[in-house]
PDB file of N, CA and C in Angstrom:
ATOM      1  N   MET A   1     -54.186-231.318  -3.448  1.00  0.00           N
ATOM      2  CA  MET A   1     -52.942-230.636  -2.847  1.00  0.00           C
ATOM      3  C   MET A   1     -53.150-229.171  -2.772  1.00  0.00           C
ATOM      4  N   PRO A   2     -52.903-228.632  -1.695  1.00  0.00           N
ATOM      5  CA  PRO A   2     -53.070-227.007  -1.601  1.00  0.00           C
ATOM      6  C   PRO A   2     -52.133-226.315  -2.429  1.00  0.00           C
ATOM      7  N   ILE A   3     -52.648-225.231  -2.918  1.00  0.00           N
ATOM      8  CA  ILE A   3     -51.858-224.253  -3.712  1.00  0.00           C
ATOM      9  C   ILE A   3     -50.873-223.560  -2.886  1.00  0.00           C
ATOM     10  N   ALA A   4     -49.554-223.436  -3.312  1.00  0.00           N
ATOM     11  CA  ALA A   4     -48.597-222.575  -2.666  1.00  0.00           C
ATOM     12  C   ALA A   4     -48.968-221.073  -3.005  1.00  0.00           C
ATOM     13  N   VAL A   5     -48.999-220.314  -1.995  1.00  0.00           N
ATOM     14  CA  VAL A   5     -49.401-218.905  -2.116  1.00  0.00           C
ATOM     15  C   VAL A   5     -48.097-218.204  -2.587  1.00  0.00           C
ATOM     16  N   ASN A   6     -48.281-217.304  -3.590  1.00  0.00           N
ATOM     17  CA  ASN A   6     -47.182-216.466  -3.982  1.00  0.00           C
ATOM     18  C   ASN A   6     -47.094-215.298  -3.034  1.00  0.00           C
ATOM     19  N   MET A   7     -46.041-215.235  -2.142  1.00  0.00           N
ATOM     20  CA  MET A   7     -45.944-214.404  -1.139  1.00  0.00           C
ATOM     21  C   MET A   7     -45.587-213.017  -1.603  1.00  0.00           C
ATOM     22  N   VAL A   8     -45.017-212.858  -2.741  1.00  0.00           N
ATOM     23  CA  VAL A   8     -44.660-211.552  -3.323  1.00  0.00           C
ATOM     24  C   VAL A   8     -46.007-210.840  -3.754  1.00  0.00           C
ATOM     25  N   GLU A   9     -46.876-211.671  -4.402  1.00  0.00           N
ATOM     26  CA  GLU A   9     -48.197-211.047  -4.743  1.00  0.00           C
ATOM     27  C   GLU A   9     -48.945-210.703  -3.496  1.00  0.00           C
ATOM     28  N   LEU A  10     -48.976-211.648  -2.549  1.00  0.00           N
ATOM     29  CA  LEU A  10     -49.750-211.458  -1.386  1.00  0.00           C
ATOM     30  C   LEU A  10     -49.208-210.142  -0.647  1.00  0.00           C
ATOM     31  N   TYR A  11     -47.947-209.991  -0.571  1.00  0.00           N
ATOM     32  CA  TYR A  11     -47.398-208.775   0.034  1.00  0.00           C
ATOM     33  C   TYR A  11     -47.824-207.505  -0.789  1.00  0.00           C
ATOM     34  N   GLU A  12     -47.771-207.599  -2.125  1.00  0.00           N
ATOM     35  CA  GLU A  12     -48.096-206.390  -2.867  1.00  0.00           C
ATOM     36  C   GLU A  12     -49.564-206.019  -2.663  1.00  0.00           C
ATOM     37  N   ILE A  13     -50.459-206.938  -2.544  1.00  0.00           N
ATOM     38  CA  ILE A  13     -51.870-206.666  -2.363  1.00  0.00           C
ATOM     39  C   ILE A  13     -52.115-206.013  -1.061  1.00  0.00           C
ATOM     40  N   ILE A  14     -51.556-206.624   0.088  1.00  0.00           N
ATOM     41  CA  ILE A  14     -51.723-206.099   1.372  1.00  0.00           C
ATOM     42  C   ILE A  14     -50.994-204.748   1.643  1.00  0.00           C
ATOM     43  N   LYS A  15     -49.775-204.594   0.919  1.00  0.00           N
ATOM     44  CA  LYS A  15     -49.033-203.364   1.047  1.00  0.00           C
ATOM     45  C   LYS A  15     -49.790-202.192   0.536  1.00  0.00           C
ATOM     46  N   ARG A  16     -50.572-202.444  -0.673  1.00  0.00           N
ATOM     47  CA  ARG A  16     -51.420-201.390  -1.224  1.00  0.00           C
ATOM     48  C   ARG A  16     -52.532-200.949  -0.296  1.00  0.00           C
ATOM     49  N   ILE A  17     -53.089-201.931   0.409  1.00  0.00           N
ATOM     50  CA  ILE A  17     -54.177-201.704   1.444  1.00  0.00           C
ATOM     51  C   ILE A  17     -53.534-200.862   2.642  1.00  0.00           C
ATOM     52  N   ALA A  18     -52.334-201.202   3.047  1.00  0.00           N
ATOM     53  CA  ALA A  18     -51.652-200.495   4.201  1.00  0.00           C
ATOM     54  C   ALA A  18     -51.347-199.120   3.790  1.00  0.00           C
ATOM     55  N   GLN A  19     -50.913-198.977   2.587  1.00  0.00           N
ATOM     56  CA  GLN A  19     -50.486-197.545   2.149  1.00  0.00           C
ATOM     57  C   GLN A  19     -51.592-196.717   1.905  1.00  0.00           C
ATOM     58  N   SER A  20     -52.789-197.328   1.625  1.00  0.00           N
ATOM     59  CA  SER A  20     -54.065-196.513   1.458  1.00  0.00           C
ATOM     60  C   SER A  20     -54.705-196.211   2.725  1.00  0.00           C
ATOM     61  N   LYS A  21     -54.089-196.750   3.957  1.00  0.00           N
ATOM     62  CA  LYS A  21     -54.699-196.705   5.246  1.00  0.00           C
ATOM     63  C   LYS A  21     -56.124-197.180   5.238  1.00  0.00           C
ATOM     64  N   ASP A  22     -56.255-198.417   4.748  1.00  0.00           N
ATOM     65  CA  ASP A  22     -57.569-199.028   4.659  1.00  0.00           C
ATOM     66  C   ASP A  22     -57.443-200.472   5.252  1.00  0.00           C
ATOM     67  N   LEU A  23     -58.610-201.180   5.185  1.00  0.00           N
ATOM     68  CA  LEU A  23     -58.754-202.526   5.550  1.00  0.00           C
ATOM     69  C   LEU A  23     -59.189-203.352   4.502  1.00  0.00           C
ATOM     70  N   ILE A  24     -58.965-204.666   4.541  1.00  0.00           N
ATOM     71  CA  ILE A  24     -59.425-205.622   3.503  1.00  0.00           C
ATOM     72  C   ILE A  24     -59.930-206.884   4.202  1.00  0.00           C
ATOM     73  N   THR A  25     -61.096-207.394   3.777  1.00  0.00           N
ATOM     74  CA  THR A  25     -61.667-208.523   4.304  1.00  0.00           C
ATOM     75  C   THR A  25     -61.000-209.783   3.794  1.00  0.00           C
ATOM     76  N   TYR A  26     -61.097-210.895   4.500  1.00  0.00           N
ATOM     77  CA  TYR A  26     -60.585-212.177   3.915  1.00  0.00           C
ATOM     78  C   TYR A  26     -61.117-212.478   2.658  1.00  0.00           C
ATOM     79  N   GLU A  27     -62.446-212.196   2.479  1.00  0.00           N
ATOM     80  CA  GLU A  27     -63.186-212.562   1.186  1.00  0.00           C
ATOM     81  C   GLU A  27     -62.496-211.680  -0.002  1.00  0.00           C
ATOM     82  N   ASP A  28     -62.357-210.426   0.300  1.00  0.00           N
ATOM     83  CA  ASP A  28     -61.807-209.444  -0.700  1.00  0.00           C
ATOM     84  C   ASP A  28     -60.396-209.735  -0.973  1.00  0.00           C
ATOM     85  N   LEU A  29     -59.728-210.228  -0.006  1.00  0.00           N
ATOM     86  CA  LEU A  29     -58.308-210.625  -0.207  1.00  0.00           C
ATOM     87  C   LEU A  29     -58.278-211.816  -1.177  1.00  0.00           C
ATOM     88  N   SER A  30     -59.175-212.744  -0.912  1.00  0.00           N
ATOM     89  CA  SER A  30     -59.214-213.857  -1.910  1.00  0.00           C
ATOM     90  C   SER A  30     -59.530-213.452  -3.336  1.00  0.00           C
ATOM     91  N   GLN A  31     -60.417-212.475  -3.467  1.00  0.00           N
ATOM     92  CA  GLN A  31     -60.742-212.043  -4.822  1.00  0.00           C
ATOM     93  C   GLN A  31     -59.719-211.308  -5.422  1.00  0.00           C
ATOM     94  N   ALA A  32     -58.997-210.440  -4.635  1.00  0.00           N
ATOM     95  CA  ALA A  32     -57.913-209.638  -5.280  1.00  0.00           C
ATOM     96  C   ALA A  32     -56.739-210.594  -5.617  1.00  0.00           C
ATOM     97  N   TYR A  33     -56.444-211.584  -4.807  1.00  0.00           N
ATOM     98  CA  TYR A  33     -55.454-212.569  -5.084  1.00  0.00           C
ATOM     99  C   TYR A  33     -55.732-213.367  -6.349  1.00  0.00           C
ATOM    100  N   LYS A  34     -56.990-213.762  -6.545  1.00  0.00           N
ATOM    101  CA  LYS A  34     -57.380-214.400  -7.765  1.00  0.00           C
ATOM    102  C   LYS A  34     -57.171-213.591  -8.969  1.00  0.00           C
ATOM    103  N   VAL A  35     -57.449-212.263  -8.851  1.00  0.00           N
ATOM    104  CA  VAL A  35     -57.296-211.419 -10.025  1.00  0.00           C
ATOM    105  C   VAL A  35     -55.830-211.379 -10.325  1.00  0.00           C
ATOM    106  N   GLU A  36     -55.017-211.162  -9.311  1.00  0.00           N
ATOM    107  CA  GLU A  36     -53.577-211.017  -9.546  1.00  0.00           C
ATOM    108  C   GLU A  36     -52.902-212.327  -9.989  1.00  0.00           C
ATOM    109  N   THR A  37     -53.386-213.592  -9.490  1.00  0.00           N
ATOM    110  CA  THR A  37     -52.615-214.738  -9.826  1.00  0.00           C
ATOM    111  C   THR A  37     -53.328-215.815 -10.508  1.00  0.00           C
ATOM    112  N   GLY A  38     -54.699-215.706 -10.472  1.00  0.00           N
ATOM    113  CA  GLY A  38     -55.592-216.727 -11.170  1.00  0.00           C
ATOM    114  C   GLY A  38     -55.787-217.826 -10.128  1.00  0.00           C
ATOM    115  N   ASP A  39     -55.215-217.859  -8.970  1.00  0.00           N
ATOM    116  CA  ASP A  39     -55.412-218.968  -8.034  1.00  0.00           C
ATOM    117  C   ASP A  39     -56.425-218.672  -6.998  1.00  0.00           C
ATOM    118  N   ASP A  40     -57.333-219.723  -6.719  1.00  0.00           N
ATOM    119  CA  ASP A  40     -58.366-219.529  -5.720  1.00  0.00           C
ATOM    120  C   ASP A  40     -57.863-219.975  -4.312  1.00  0.00           C
ATOM    121  N   ILE A  41     -57.956-219.073  -3.409  1.00  0.00           N
ATOM    122  CA  ILE A  41     -57.641-219.409  -2.030  1.00  0.00           C
ATOM    123  C   ILE A  41     -58.894-218.936  -1.293  1.00  0.00           C
ATOM    124  N   HIS A  42     -59.433-219.998  -0.563  1.00  0.00           N
ATOM    125  CA  HIS A  42     -60.707-219.743   0.227  1.00  0.00           C
ATOM    126  C   HIS A  42     -60.309-218.729   1.398  1.00  0.00           C
ATOM    127  N   ARG A  43     -61.245-217.890   1.723  1.00  0.00           N
ATOM    128  CA  ARG A  43     -61.078-216.997   2.720  1.00  0.00           C
ATOM    129  C   ARG A  43     -60.715-217.484   4.118  1.00  0.00           C
ATOM    130  N   ARG A  44     -60.981-218.702   4.309  1.00  0.00           N
ATOM    131  CA  ARG A  44     -60.531-219.334   5.641  1.00  0.00           C
ATOM    132  C   ARG A  44     -59.190-219.924   5.564  1.00  0.00           C
ATOM    133  N   GLN A  45     -58.600-219.919   4.408  1.00  0.00           N
ATOM    134  CA  GLN A  45     -57.298-220.591   4.286  1.00  0.00           C
ATOM    135  C   GLN A  45     -56.097-219.600   4.430  1.00  0.00           C
ATOM    136  N   TRP A  46     -56.310-218.290   4.740  1.00  0.00           N
ATOM    137  CA  TRP A  46     -55.239-217.297   4.734  1.00  0.00           C
ATOM    138  C   TRP A  46     -54.273-217.253   6.072  1.00  0.00           C
ATOM    139  N   GLY A  47     -54.921-217.935   7.098  1.00  0.00           N
ATOM    140  CA  GLY A  47     -54.234-217.850   8.465  1.00  0.00           C
ATOM    141  C   GLY A  47     -52.661-218.040   8.424  1.00  0.00           C
ATOM    142  N   SER A  48     -52.285-219.208   7.992  1.00  0.00           N
ATOM    143  CA  SER A  48     -50.837-219.557   7.996  1.00  0.00           C
ATOM    144  C   SER A  48     -50.084-218.607   7.091  1.00  0.00           C
ATOM    145  N   TRP A  49     -50.603-218.348   5.968  1.00  0.00           N
ATOM    146  CA  TRP A  49     -49.906-217.434   5.004  1.00  0.00           C
ATOM    147  C   TRP A  49     -49.808-216.044   5.451  1.00  0.00           C
ATOM    148  N   LEU A  50     -50.772-215.523   6.029  1.00  0.00           N
ATOM    149  CA  LEU A  50     -50.747-214.237   6.690  1.00  0.00           C
ATOM    150  C   LEU A  50     -49.736-214.184   7.860  1.00  0.00           C
ATOM    151  N   GLY A  51     -49.686-215.232   8.638  1.00  0.00           N
ATOM    152  CA  GLY A  51     -48.814-215.358   9.696  1.00  0.00           C
ATOM    153  C   GLY A  51     -47.297-215.324   9.303  1.00  0.00           C
ATOM    154  N   GLN A  52     -47.099-216.109   8.135  1.00  0.00           N
ATOM    155  CA  GLN A  52     -45.756-216.130   7.569  1.00  0.00           C
ATOM    156  C   GLN A  52     -45.311-214.716   7.055  1.00  0.00           C
ATOM    157  N   LEU A  53     -46.276-214.046   6.370  1.00  0.00           N
ATOM    158  CA  LEU A  53     -45.954-212.711   5.808  1.00  0.00           C
ATOM    159  C   LEU A  53     -45.714-211.709   6.973  1.00  0.00           C
ATOM    160  N   SER A  54     -46.476-211.732   7.945  1.00  0.00           N
ATOM    161  CA  SER A  54     -46.341-210.877   9.160  1.00  0.00           C
ATOM    162  C   SER A  54     -44.950-211.079   9.834  1.00  0.00           C
ATOM    163  N   GLY A  55     -44.662-212.418   9.950  1.00  0.00           N
ATOM    164  CA  GLY A  55     -43.398-212.820  10.480  1.00  0.00           C
ATOM    165  C   GLY A  55     -42.189-212.299   9.775  1.00  0.00           C
ATOM    166  N   ARG A  56     -42.273-212.256   8.511  1.00  0.00           N
ATOM    167  CA  ARG A  56     -41.227-211.681   7.663  1.00  0.00           C
ATOM    168  C   ARG A  56     -41.086-210.218   7.900  1.00  0.00           C
ATOM    169  N   CYS A  57     -42.214-209.512   8.040  1.00  0.00           N
ATOM    170  CA  CYS A  57     -42.269-208.129   8.266  1.00  0.00           C
ATOM    171  C   CYS A  57     -41.631-207.745   9.625  1.00  0.00           C
ATOM    172  N   THR A  58     -42.054-208.558  10.671  1.00  0.00           N
ATOM    173  CA  THR A  58     -41.608-208.180  12.012  1.00  0.00           C
ATOM    174  C   THR A  58     -40.171-208.521  12.058  1.00  0.00           C
ATOM    175  N   ASP A  59     -39.695-209.546  11.448  1.00  0.00           N
ATOM    176  CA  ASP A  59     -38.232-209.874  11.494  1.00  0.00           C
ATOM    177  C   ASP A  59     -37.405-208.774  10.933  1.00  0.00           C
ATOM    178  N   ALA A  60     -38.036-207.982   9.969  1.00  0.00           N
ATOM    179  CA  ALA A  60     -37.401-206.829   9.246  1.00  0.00           C
ATOM    180  C   ALA A  60     -37.610-205.530  10.064  1.00  0.00           C
ATOM    181  N   GLY A  61     -38.255-205.688  11.261  1.00  0.00           N
ATOM    182  CA  GLY A  61     -38.442-204.427  12.022  1.00  0.00           C
ATOM    183  C   GLY A  61     -39.621-203.647  11.749  1.00  0.00           C
ATOM    184  N   LEU A  62     -40.563-204.250  10.991  1.00  0.00           N
ATOM    185  CA  LEU A  62     -41.791-203.704  10.603  1.00  0.00           C
ATOM    186  C   LEU A  62     -42.933-204.162  11.417  1.00  0.00           C
ATOM    187  N   PRO A  63     -44.106-203.501  11.449  1.00  0.00           N
ATOM    188  CA  PRO A  63     -45.249-204.052  12.185  1.00  0.00           C
ATOM    189  C   PRO A  63     -45.837-205.194  11.360  1.00  0.00           C
ATOM    190  N   PRO A  64     -46.721-206.082  12.011  1.00  0.00           N
ATOM    191  CA  PRO A  64     -47.376-207.174  11.220  1.00  0.00           C
ATOM    192  C   PRO A  64     -48.388-206.708  10.212  1.00  0.00           C
ATOM    193  N   ILE A  65     -48.030-206.862   8.989  1.00  0.00           N
ATOM    194  CA  ILE A  65     -48.845-206.264   7.901  1.00  0.00           C
ATOM    195  C   ILE A  65     -50.195-206.913   7.831  1.00  0.00           C
ATOM    196  N   SER A  66     -50.384-208.097   8.294  1.00  0.00           N
ATOM    197  CA  SER A  66     -51.715-208.786   8.290  1.00  0.00           C
ATOM    198  C   SER A  66     -52.715-208.068   9.245  1.00  0.00           C
ATOM    199  N   THR A  67     -52.283-207.053  10.048  1.00  0.00           N
ATOM    200  CA  THR A  67     -53.170-206.307  10.844  1.00  0.00           C
ATOM    201  C   THR A  67     -54.290-205.815  10.048  1.00  0.00           C
ATOM    202  N   VAL A  68     -54.084-205.490   8.797  1.00  0.00           N
ATOM    203  CA  VAL A  68     -55.182-204.792   8.045  1.00  0.00           C
ATOM    204  C   VAL A  68     -56.151-205.799   7.363  1.00  0.00           C
ATOM    205  N   VAL A  69     -55.956-207.107   7.543  1.00  0.00           N
ATOM    206  CA  VAL A  69     -56.893-208.078   6.902  1.00  0.00           C
ATOM    207  C   VAL A  69     -57.828-208.469   7.958  1.00  0.00           C
ATOM    208  N   VAL A  70     -59.208-208.284   7.756  1.00  0.00           N
ATOM    209  CA  VAL A  70     -60.165-208.379   8.760  1.00  0.00           C
ATOM    210  C   VAL A  70     -61.388-209.235   8.376  1.00  0.00           C
ATOM    211  N   SER A  71     -62.057-209.632   9.433  1.00  0.00           N
ATOM    212  CA  SER A  71     -63.383-210.454   9.143  1.00  0.00           C
ATOM    213  C   SER A  71     -64.452-209.519   8.624  1.00  0.00           C
ATOM    214  N   ASP A  72     -65.396-210.043   7.793  1.00  0.00           N
ATOM    215  CA  ASP A  72     -66.504-209.278   7.387  1.00  0.00           C
ATOM    216  C   ASP A  72     -67.417-208.947   8.499  1.00  0.00           C
ATOM    217  N   THR A  73     -67.593-209.733   9.517  1.00  0.00           N
ATOM    218  CA  THR A  73     -68.437-209.652  10.582  1.00  0.00           C
ATOM    219  C   THR A  73     -68.120-208.537  11.611  1.00  0.00           C
ATOM    220  N   ASP A  74     -66.883-208.691  12.179  1.00  0.00           N
ATOM    221  CA  ASP A  74     -66.509-207.835  13.338  1.00  0.00           C
ATOM    222  C   ASP A  74     -65.491-206.780  12.950  1.00  0.00           C
ATOM    223  N   LYS A  75     -65.052-206.876  11.793  1.00  0.00           N
ATOM    224  CA  LYS A  75     -64.021-205.990  11.173  1.00  0.00           C
ATOM    225  C   LYS A  75     -62.728-205.910  11.971  1.00  0.00           C
ATOM    226  N   LEU A  76     -62.391-207.238  12.534  1.00  0.00           N
ATOM    227  CA  LEU A  76     -61.177-207.388  13.338  1.00  0.00           C
ATOM    228  C   LEU A  76     -60.565-208.682  12.685  1.00  0.00           C
ATOM    229  N   PRO A  77     -59.176-208.811  12.825  1.00  0.00           N
ATOM    230  CA  PRO A  77     -58.383-209.906  12.356  1.00  0.00           C
ATOM    231  C   PRO A  77     -59.027-211.172  13.023  1.00  0.00           C
ATOM    232  N   GLY A  78     -58.730-212.342  12.248  1.00  0.00           N
ATOM    233  CA  GLY A  78     -59.187-213.680  12.873  1.00  0.00           C
ATOM    234  C   GLY A  78     -58.400-214.150  14.039  1.00  0.00           C
ATOM    235  N   ASP A  79     -58.780-215.206  14.515  1.00  0.00           N
ATOM    236  CA  ASP A  79     -58.183-215.816  15.794  1.00  0.00           C
ATOM    237  C   ASP A  79     -56.719-216.039  15.665  1.00  0.00           C
ATOM    238  N   GLY A  80     -56.214-216.386  14.521  1.00  0.00           N
ATOM    239  CA  GLY A  80     -54.757-216.779  14.402  1.00  0.00           C
ATOM    240  C   GLY A  80     -53.826-215.456  14.533  1.00  0.00           C
ATOM    241  N   TYR A  81     -54.483-214.249  14.300  1.00  0.00           N
ATOM    242  CA  TYR A  81     -53.599-213.017  14.361  1.00  0.00           C
ATOM    243  C   TYR A  81     -53.164-212.660  15.757  1.00  0.00           C
ATOM    244  N   TRP A  82     -54.069-212.794  16.767  1.00  0.00           N
ATOM    245  CA  TRP A  82     -53.760-212.387  18.092  1.00  0.00           C
ATOM    246  C   TRP A  82     -52.657-213.224  18.738  1.00  0.00           C
ATOM    247  N   GLY A  83     -51.653-212.495  19.142  1.00  0.00           N
ATOM    248  CA  GLY A  83     -50.504-213.038  19.807  1.00  0.00           C
ATOM    249  C   GLY A  83     -49.326-213.351  18.862  1.00  0.00           C
ATOM    250  N   ILE A  84     -49.461-213.097  17.507  1.00  0.00           N
ATOM    251  CA  ILE A  84     -48.310-213.251  16.668  1.00  0.00           C
ATOM    252  C   ILE A  84     -47.402-212.091  17.053  1.00  0.00           C
ATOM    253  N   PRO A  85     -46.063-212.168  16.737  1.00  0.00           N
ATOM    254  CA  PRO A  85     -45.204-211.056  17.025  1.00  0.00           C
ATOM    255  C   PRO A  85     -45.718-209.759  16.456  1.00  0.00           C
ATOM    256  N   GLY A  86     -45.596-208.777  17.372  1.00  0.00           N
ATOM    257  CA  GLY A  86     -46.114-207.381  16.959  1.00  0.00           C
ATOM    258  C   GLY A  86     -47.487-207.134  17.090  1.00  0.00           C
ATOM    259  N   ALA A  87     -48.466-208.187  17.305  1.00  0.00           N
ATOM    260  CA  ALA A  87     -49.859-208.042  17.454  1.00  0.00           C
ATOM    261  C   ALA A  87     -50.225-208.082  18.910  1.00  0.00           C
ATOM    262  N   PRO A  88     -51.425-207.570  19.228  1.00  0.00           N
ATOM    263  CA  PRO A  88     -51.846-207.678  20.618  1.00  0.00           C
ATOM    264  C   PRO A  88     -51.993-209.120  21.114  1.00  0.00           C
ATOM    265  N   PRO A  89     -51.805-209.421  22.353  1.00  0.00           N
ATOM    266  CA  PRO A  89     -51.771-210.866  22.865  1.00  0.00           C
ATOM    267  C   PRO A  89     -53.211-211.414  22.805  1.00  0.00           C
ATOM    268  N   TYR A  90     -54.288-210.540  22.889  1.00  0.00           N
ATOM    269  CA  TYR A  90     -55.596-211.133  22.787  1.00  0.00           C
ATOM    270  C   TYR A  90     -56.503-210.032  22.032  1.00  0.00           C
ATOM    271  N   LYS A  91     -57.707-210.508  21.682  1.00  0.00           N
ATOM    272  CA  LYS A  91     -58.600-209.746  20.980  1.00  0.00           C
ATOM    273  C   LYS A  91     -59.026-208.452  21.708  1.00  0.00           C
ATOM    274  N   ASP A  92     -58.380-207.316  21.347  1.00  0.00           N
ATOM    275  CA  ASP A  92     -58.675-206.071  22.049  1.00  0.00           C
ATOM    276  C   ASP A  92     -58.724-204.862  20.924  1.00  0.00           C
ATOM    277  N   TYR A  93     -59.816-204.318  20.667  1.00  0.00           N
ATOM    278  CA  TYR A  93     -60.018-203.361  19.728  1.00  0.00           C
ATOM    279  C   TYR A  93     -59.023-202.197  19.729  1.00  0.00           C
ATOM    280  N   ASN A  94     -58.876-201.666  20.924  1.00  0.00           N
ATOM    281  CA  ASN A  94     -57.995-200.487  21.059  1.00  0.00           C
ATOM    282  C   ASN A  94     -56.530-200.820  20.811  1.00  0.00           C
ATOM    283  N   ALA A  95     -56.068-201.938  21.326  1.00  0.00           N
ATOM    284  CA  ALA A  95     -54.743-202.406  21.064  1.00  0.00           C
ATOM    285  C   ALA A  95     -54.557-202.639  19.540  1.00  0.00           C
ATOM    286  N   TRP A  96     -55.556-203.239  18.985  1.00  0.00           N
ATOM    287  CA  TRP A  96     -55.420-203.489  17.467  1.00  0.00           C
ATOM    288  C   TRP A  96     -55.293-202.195  16.714  1.00  0.00           C
ATOM    289  N   LYS A  97     -56.116-201.161  17.062  1.00  0.00           N
ATOM    290  CA  LYS A  97     -56.055-199.912  16.442  1.00  0.00           C
ATOM    291  C   LYS A  97     -54.627-199.228  16.482  1.00  0.00           C
ATOM    292  N   VAL A  98     -53.953-199.414  17.644  1.00  0.00           N
ATOM    293  CA  VAL A  98     -52.626-198.891  17.793  1.00  0.00           C
ATOM    294  C   VAL A  98     -51.703-199.626  16.725  1.00  0.00           C
ATOM    295  N   VAL A  99     -51.867-200.877  16.568  1.00  0.00           N
ATOM    296  CA  VAL A  99     -51.045-201.637  15.606  1.00  0.00           C
ATOM    297  C   VAL A  99     -51.445-201.152  14.224  1.00  0.00           C
ATOM    298  N   CYS A 100     -52.725-200.986  13.912  1.00  0.00           N
ATOM    299  CA  CYS A 100     -53.189-200.442  12.632  1.00  0.00           C
ATOM    300  C   CYS A 100     -52.530-199.161  12.317  1.00  0.00           C
ATOM    301  N   ASP A 101     -52.416-198.218  13.215  1.00  0.00           N
ATOM    302  CA  ASP A 101     -51.764-196.955  13.047  1.00  0.00           C
ATOM    303  C   ASP A 101     -50.344-197.165  12.729  1.00  0.00           C
ATOM    304  N   GLN A 102     -49.686-198.157  13.307  1.00  0.00           N
ATOM    305  CA  GLN A 102     -48.229-198.514  13.084  1.00  0.00           C
ATOM    306  C   GLN A 102     -48.102-198.955  11.583  1.00  0.00           C
ATOM    307  N   VAL A 103     -48.985-199.839  11.241  1.00  0.00           N
ATOM    308  CA  VAL A 103     -48.989-200.364   9.815  1.00  0.00           C
ATOM    309  C   VAL A 103     -49.181-199.267   8.870  1.00  0.00           C
ATOM    310  N   TYR A 104     -50.060-198.370   9.148  1.00  0.00           N
ATOM    311  CA  TYR A 104     -50.531-197.251   8.230  1.00  0.00           C
ATOM    312  C   TYR A 104     -49.266-196.344   8.160  1.00  0.00           C
ATOM    313  N   SER A 105     -48.527-196.095   9.158  1.00  0.00           N
ATOM    314  CA  SER A 105     -47.442-195.046   9.132  1.00  0.00           C
ATOM    315  C   SER A 105     -46.069-195.664   8.706  1.00  0.00           C
ATOM    316  N   ALA A 106     -46.044-197.115   8.598  1.00  0.00           N
ATOM    317  CA  ALA A 106     -44.761-197.622   8.290  1.00  0.00           C
ATOM    318  C   ALA A 106     -44.354-197.294   6.804  1.00  0.00           C
ATOM    319  N   THR A 107     -43.136-197.297   6.515  1.00  0.00           N
ATOM    320  CA  THR A 107     -42.581-197.205   5.206  1.00  0.00           C
ATOM    321  C   THR A 107     -42.305-198.625   4.680  1.00  0.00           C
ATOM    322  N   TRP A 108     -43.241-199.004   3.838  1.00  0.00           N
ATOM    323  CA  TRP A 108     -43.103-200.455   3.304  1.00  0.00           C
ATOM    324  C   TRP A 108     -42.100-200.580   2.283  1.00  0.00           C
ATOM    325  N   PRO A 109     -41.186-201.478   2.285  1.00  0.00           N
ATOM    326  CA  PRO A 109     -40.161-201.650   1.314  1.00  0.00           C
ATOM    327  C   PRO A 109     -40.884-202.024  -0.080  1.00  0.00           C
ATOM    328  N   SER A 110     -40.265-201.640  -1.187  1.00  0.00           N
ATOM    329  CA  SER A 110     -40.812-202.022  -2.565  1.00  0.00           C
ATOM    330  C   SER A 110     -40.854-203.513  -2.826  1.00  0.00           C
ATOM    331  N   ILE A 111     -39.867-204.210  -2.187  1.00  0.00           N
ATOM    332  CA  ILE A 111     -39.910-205.700  -2.320  1.00  0.00           C
ATOM    333  C   ILE A 111     -40.168-206.383  -1.019  1.00  0.00           C
ATOM    334  N   LEU A 112     -40.715-207.539  -1.008  1.00  0.00           N
ATOM    335  CA  LEU A 112     -41.072-208.373   0.024  1.00  0.00           C
ATOM    336  C   LEU A 112     -39.812-208.536   1.023  1.00  0.00           C
ATOM    337  N   PRO A 113     -40.051-208.048   2.364  1.00  0.00           N
ATOM    338  CA  PRO A 113     -38.894-208.160   3.294  1.00  0.00           C
ATOM    339  C   PRO A 113     -38.461-209.619   3.468  1.00  0.00           C
TER     340      PRO A 113
END
């Protein structure tokens, strides 16, 4: 049975990355999440959780926070990112950079939106 992801902890991890104007790989996210919660989430299992988290953010008028979670290989978000609300409709580096800048300049609430 899959582990339910603690969305508050996931938000806190990614919020720190966004506030530091940095990126985090799926693998590093898995490691950071394990440190915070003790739960193992494989790097390929983040898609739906990140989509839910970004959906909560865009519903609150914020950019999709999962923009800063990227692949080790091409340093871009995975296939499930493109086309979610607030994200570019297709894999485009320049459009993604614009959304990254929005994420970096956003004022992230102290609690999960």
